Amino acid sequence: MLNRADFYDAELKRHNGHLRAAASVGVRDCVLDIGCGAGQSTREAARIAVEGAAIGVDTSPEMLEVARQRSEEAGLRNIAFEEGDAQHHAFPTAHFDLCISRFGVMFFADPTAAFANVARAMRQGARLAWMVWQSQEHNEWSGAIRRALAPGTAASANALTPFSLGDPTIATKLLSRAGFVSIDFIDVREPVFYGPDVDTAFDALMELYLVKDALARTDEAPDKAMQRLRDLLETHMTPEGVFFDSRAWIVTAQRGQGG
């Protein structure tokens, strides 16, 4: 699990600065981090909110164990982690000043219910800063890997879930229904990092749902698909490691009155 946590943090290293800037955590903020994983973004918020607090929520007990361990090692006392699905988690009402998420809000089975639940947990005027993937067409890492492993097959509905908020019209409608206003989208174009070399990147990718899903959708011999994946990674090898183009949105908004 430590390796998996490190992989995700390294993969998104170039995205973190954009999210921090958009979130603009204040020293007294009470921050909610949705889909916090191993807690990197939660810890970054807690270090700034020295007179406030940061709460990370995730559905993975294994990742949360890593998050708690790393927060303790960092000596952070204004931080906590809770296991739960933000779609129906029992958050305190009108409690948070800021809600952040690094690619953690695209997976709700019922986003309308989830966003309403989050809104209830936020004070009037509270802000959100969520990073989500744009459409799959703008994310080479997804399309290229799937085509290498299962050429000629369509992506499954589950494989497309990470891009469920990629259309600003859809995201705006969902947030507006939940009572958010001043909704805006910041275009982020940074590559994702998969490892310092092809072997490391290959091993890491084999653990991802994207790869497992693509392999399950083809009848071809696995060794041929694996070789195509290695070839693809070779073409994306740079002096700094294996990178794929990606595009994301940072969605910002405020909690409106009422709701």
Protein backbone atom coordinates (compact mmCIF):
# COMPACT_ATOMS: atom_id res chain seq x y z
CA MET A 1 0.00 0.00 0.00
CA LEU A 2 2.91 2.34 0.64
CA ASN A 3 4.04 1.81 -2.95
CA ARG A 4 0.56 2.51 -4.25
CA ALA A 5 0.31 5.68 -2.18
CA ASP A 6 3.71 6.84 -3.38
CA PHE A 7 2.74 6.12 -6.97
CA TYR A 8 -0.35 8.32 -6.85
CA ASP A 9 1.50 11.17 -5.16
CA ALA A 10 4.34 11.00 -7.69
CA GLU A 11 1.92 10.65 -10.61
CA LEU A 12 0.20 13.91 -9.71
CA LYS A 13 3.16 15.90 -8.38
CA ARG A 14 2.90 18.54 -11.09
CA HIS A 15 -0.80 19.03 -10.39
CA ASN A 16 -0.45 19.72 -6.67
CA GLY A 17 0.84 23.27 -6.98
CA HIS A 18 -2.14 24.26 -9.10
CA LEU A 19 -4.60 22.86 -6.57
CA ARG A 20 -2.82 24.53 -3.63
CA ALA A 21 -2.92 27.88 -5.40
CA ALA A 22 -6.62 27.58 -6.21
CA ALA A 23 -7.54 26.37 -2.72
CA SER A 24 -5.69 29.23 -1.01
CA VAL A 25 -6.04 27.66 2.43
CA GLY A 26 -6.30 30.18 5.27
CA VAL A 27 -4.67 29.84 8.68
CA ARG A 28 -8.05 29.49 10.42
CA ASP A 29 -9.80 27.36 7.80
CA CYS A 30 -11.54 24.12 8.63
CA VAL A 31 -10.83 22.06 5.52
CA LEU A 32 -12.59 18.96 4.17
CA ASP A 33 -10.58 16.82 1.73
CA ILE A 34 -12.73 14.38 -0.27
CA GLY A 35 -11.10 11.22 -1.60
CA CYS A 36 -7.93 12.05 0.30
CA GLY A 37 -6.15 8.76 -0.34
CA ALA A 38 -2.86 8.70 1.56
CA GLY A 39 -3.50 12.24 2.72
CA GLN A 40 -0.90 14.32 0.90
CA SER A 41 -3.35 17.12 0.06
CA THR A 42 -4.85 16.93 3.57
CA ARG A 43 -1.43 17.33 5.16
CA GLU A 44 -0.59 20.26 2.92
CA ALA A 45 -3.82 21.96 4.02
CA ALA A 46 -3.18 21.22 7.70
CA ARG A 47 0.30 22.75 7.56
CA ILE A 48 -1.24 26.06 6.45
CA ALA A 49 -4.41 25.97 8.59
CA VAL A 50 -2.41 26.11 11.81
CA GLU A 51 -5.31 27.69 13.72
CA GLY A 52 -7.90 25.52 11.95
CA ALA A 53 -8.02 21.84 11.00
CA ALA A 54 -8.06 19.47 8.05
CA ILE A 55 -10.24 16.37 7.76
CA GLY A 56 -9.59 13.77 5.06
CA VAL A 57 -12.30 11.31 3.98
CA ASP A 58 -11.75 8.23 1.82
CA THR A 59 -13.32 4.82 1.24
CA SER A 60 -10.01 2.91 1.50
CA PRO A 61 -9.02 1.88 5.04
CA GLU A 62 -5.59 0.86 3.79
CA MET A 63 -4.86 4.28 2.32
CA LEU A 64 -6.20 5.99 5.43
CA GLU A 65 -3.84 3.94 7.59
CA VAL A 66 -0.95 5.29 5.53
CA ALA A 67 -2.40 8.80 5.82
CA ARG A 68 -2.58 8.61 9.61
CA GLN A 69 0.93 7.18 9.87
CA ARG A 70 2.43 9.90 7.70
CA SER A 71 0.58 12.67 9.53
CA GLU A 72 1.86 11.37 12.86
CA GLU A 73 5.39 11.21 11.48
CA ALA A 74 5.00 14.81 10.31
CA GLY A 75 3.95 15.87 13.80
CA LEU A 76 0.59 17.27 12.65
CA ARG A 77 -2.02 17.61 15.39
CA ASN A 78 -4.75 19.56 13.56
CA ILE A 79 -5.58 16.71 11.19
CA ALA A 80 -7.87 13.67 11.19
CA PHE A 81 -9.00 11.02 8.75
CA GLU A 82 -12.36 9.30 8.47
CA GLU A 83 -13.39 6.27 6.45
CA GLY A 84 -16.54 6.92 4.47
CA ASP A 85 -18.26 7.74 1.22
CA ALA A 86 -18.88 11.49 0.98
CA GLN A 87 -22.12 10.70 -0.84
CA HIS A 88 -23.80 9.87 2.48
CA HIS A 89 -21.16 10.41 5.17
CA ALA A 90 -22.49 12.08 8.32
CA PHE A 91 -20.57 15.37 8.20
CA PRO A 92 -21.27 18.07 10.77
CA THR A 93 -23.68 20.66 9.36
CA ALA A 94 -22.37 24.06 8.19
CA HIS A 95 -18.92 23.24 9.57
CA PHE A 96 -16.28 23.60 6.84
CA ASP A 97 -14.77 26.76 5.34
CA LEU A 98 -13.16 25.00 2.40
CA CYS A 99 -13.62 21.70 0.56
CA ILE A 100 -10.78 20.39 -1.57
CA SER A 101 -10.39 17.25 -3.65
CA ARG A 102 -7.61 15.92 -5.85
CA PHE A 103 -9.40 13.69 -8.36
CA GLY A 104 -11.73 12.29 -5.71
CA VAL A 105 -15.21 13.55 -6.63
CA MET A 106 -15.79 11.88 -10.01
CA PHE A 107 -16.74 8.44 -8.72
CA PHE A 108 -20.03 8.97 -6.89
CA ALA A 109 -22.87 6.66 -7.91
CA ASP A 110 -25.26 9.54 -7.22
CA PRO A 111 -23.38 12.83 -7.65
CA THR A 112 -26.52 14.88 -7.01
CA ALA A 113 -26.87 13.35 -3.54
CA ALA A 114 -23.13 13.56 -2.92
CA PHE A 115 -22.79 17.24 -3.80
CA ALA A 116 -25.87 18.10 -1.71
CA ASN A 117 -24.37 16.25 1.24
CA VAL A 118 -21.09 18.13 0.88
CA ALA A 119 -22.95 21.43 0.56
CA ARG A 120 -24.77 20.79 3.84
CA ALA A 121 -21.41 20.37 5.55
CA MET A 122 -20.16 23.76 4.34
CA ARG A 123 -20.81 27.19 5.82
CA GLN A 124 -22.45 29.91 3.76
CA GLY A 125 -19.77 31.50 1.63
CA ALA A 126 -17.45 28.52 2.07
CA ARG A 127 -15.31 27.69 -0.95
CA LEU A 128 -14.49 24.56 -2.87
CA ALA A 129 -11.52 23.75 -5.07
CA TRP A 130 -11.78 20.38 -6.79
CA MET A 131 -9.42 18.95 -9.37
CA VAL A 132 -11.11 16.63 -11.89
CA TRP A 133 -10.07 15.15 -15.21
CA GLN A 134 -11.28 16.73 -18.41
CA SER A 135 -12.77 14.39 -21.05
CA GLN A 136 -10.95 11.20 -22.00
CA GLU A 137 -10.12 12.70 -25.41
CA HIS A 138 -7.95 15.25 -23.60
CA ASN A 139 -6.16 12.64 -21.48
CA GLU A 140 -3.64 10.67 -23.45
CA TRP A 141 -2.76 8.43 -20.54
CA SER A 142 -6.21 6.84 -20.63
CA GLY A 143 -6.88 6.56 -24.34
CA ALA A 144 -3.40 5.50 -25.40
CA ILE A 145 -3.05 2.82 -22.74
CA ARG A 146 -6.48 1.38 -23.45
CA ARG A 147 -5.83 1.29 -27.21
CA ALA A 148 -2.48 -0.42 -26.68
CA LEU A 149 -4.00 -3.15 -24.53
CA ALA A 150 -7.34 -3.67 -26.27
CA PRO A 151 -7.28 -2.10 -29.75
CA GLY A 152 -10.65 -1.88 -31.44
CA THR A 153 -12.66 -2.21 -28.24
CA ALA A 154 -14.69 0.54 -26.64
CA ALA A 155 -13.98 1.73 -23.14
CA SER A 156 -16.33 0.36 -20.50
CA ALA A 157 -18.64 2.66 -18.58
CA ASN A 158 -16.54 2.14 -15.45
CA ALA A 159 -13.36 3.07 -17.30
CA LEU A 160 -14.97 6.37 -18.27
CA THR A 161 -16.07 7.22 -14.73
CA PRO A 162 -12.90 9.25 -13.97
CA PHE A 163 -14.06 11.69 -16.67
CA SER A 164 -17.64 12.06 -15.42
CA LEU A 165 -17.12 15.74 -14.54
CA GLY A 166 -15.06 16.57 -17.59
CA ASP A 167 -17.90 18.52 -19.21
CA PRO A 168 -18.19 21.92 -17.46
CA THR A 169 -21.90 22.08 -18.34
CA ILE A 170 -22.60 18.87 -16.43
CA ALA A 171 -20.43 19.84 -13.48
CA THR A 172 -21.99 23.31 -13.30
CA LYS A 173 -25.51 21.89 -13.29
CA LEU A 174 -24.71 19.45 -10.49
CA LEU A 175 -23.03 22.09 -8.33
CA SER A 176 -25.79 24.64 -8.94
CA ARG A 177 -28.43 22.14 -7.85
CA ALA A 178 -26.48 21.61 -4.64
CA GLY A 179 -26.50 25.32 -3.87
CA PHE A 180 -23.09 26.43 -5.13
CA VAL A 181 -22.55 29.73 -6.93
CA SER A 182 -19.68 31.55 -8.67
CA ILE A 183 -18.69 28.29 -10.36
CA ASP A 184 -15.53 28.55 -12.44
CA PHE A 185 -13.11 26.25 -14.26
CA ILE A 186 -9.33 26.58 -14.45
CA ASP A 187 -7.61 24.68 -17.27
CA VAL A 188 -4.60 22.68 -16.03
CA ARG A 189 -2.25 21.09 -18.55
CA GLU A 190 0.40 19.03 -16.82
CA PRO A 191 1.74 15.56 -17.63
CA VAL A 192 1.19 12.59 -15.35
CA PHE A 193 4.31 10.73 -14.20
CA TYR A 194 4.36 6.93 -14.22
CA GLY A 195 7.90 6.16 -13.12
CA PRO A 196 11.60 6.88 -13.60
CA ASP A 197 11.95 4.05 -16.13
CA VAL A 198 9.84 1.72 -18.29
CA ASP A 199 10.01 -1.27 -15.94
CA THR A 200 8.82 0.75 -12.95
CA ALA A 201 6.04 2.35 -14.98
CA PHE A 202 4.94 -1.02 -16.36
CA ASP A 203 4.74 -2.60 -12.90
CA ALA A 204 2.80 0.38 -11.52
CA LEU A 205 0.30 0.42 -14.37
CA MET A 206 -0.45 -3.27 -14.01
CA GLU A 207 -2.11 -2.44 -10.67
CA LEU A 208 -4.46 0.17 -12.12
CA TYR A 209 -8.12 -0.48 -12.90
CA LEU A 210 -7.63 1.08 -16.33
CA VAL A 211 -5.21 -1.70 -17.33
CA LYS A 212 -7.17 -4.54 -15.74
CA ASP A 213 -10.38 -3.36 -17.41
CA ALA A 214 -8.78 -3.11 -20.85
CA LEU A 215 -7.24 -6.59 -20.59
CA ALA A 216 -10.60 -8.03 -19.58
CA ARG A 217 -12.19 -6.64 -22.73
CA THR A 218 -9.96 -8.43 -25.22
CA ASP A 219 -9.58 -12.10 -26.16
CA GLU A 220 -6.04 -11.58 -27.39
CA ALA A 221 -3.11 -13.36 -25.78
CA PRO A 222 -1.93 -11.26 -22.81
CA ASP A 223 1.74 -11.33 -23.84
CA LYS A 224 1.02 -9.42 -27.05
CA ALA A 225 -0.92 -6.74 -25.21
CA MET A 226 1.82 -6.50 -22.58
CA GLN A 227 4.46 -5.98 -25.25
CA ARG A 228 2.41 -3.20 -26.85
CA LEU A 229 2.11 -1.53 -23.45
CA ARG A 230 5.88 -1.71 -22.98
CA ASP A 231 6.39 -0.28 -26.46
CA LEU A 232 4.02 2.56 -25.64
CA LEU A 233 5.89 3.34 -22.43
CA GLU A 234 9.17 3.37 -24.35
CA THR A 235 7.81 6.09 -26.64
CA HIS A 236 6.92 8.18 -23.58
CA MET A 237 10.29 7.81 -21.88
CA THR A 238 12.06 11.13 -21.27
CA PRO A 239 15.26 12.00 -19.41
CA GLU A 240 13.07 12.65 -16.35
CA GLY A 241 11.00 9.46 -16.62
CA VAL A 242 7.80 8.20 -18.25
CA PHE A 243 5.21 10.94 -18.82
CA PHE A 244 1.81 11.10 -20.52
CA ASP A 245 -0.06 14.26 -21.45
CA SER A 246 -3.13 15.07 -19.40
CA ARG A 247 -5.63 17.85 -18.95
CA ALA A 248 -7.66 18.63 -15.85
CA TRP A 249 -10.05 21.22 -14.52
CA ILE A 250 -9.81 22.89 -11.17
CA VAL A 251 -13.42 23.63 -10.31
CA THR A 252 -13.93 26.51 -7.90
CA ALA A 253 -17.21 27.65 -6.35
CA GLN A 254 -18.81 29.12 -3.24
CA ARG A 255 -21.56 27.81 -1.00
CA GLY A 256 -24.57 30.01 -1.63
CA GLN A 257 -27.24 31.09 0.83
CA GLY A 258 -30.00 28.73 1.85
CA GLY A 259 -30.17 25.19 0.48
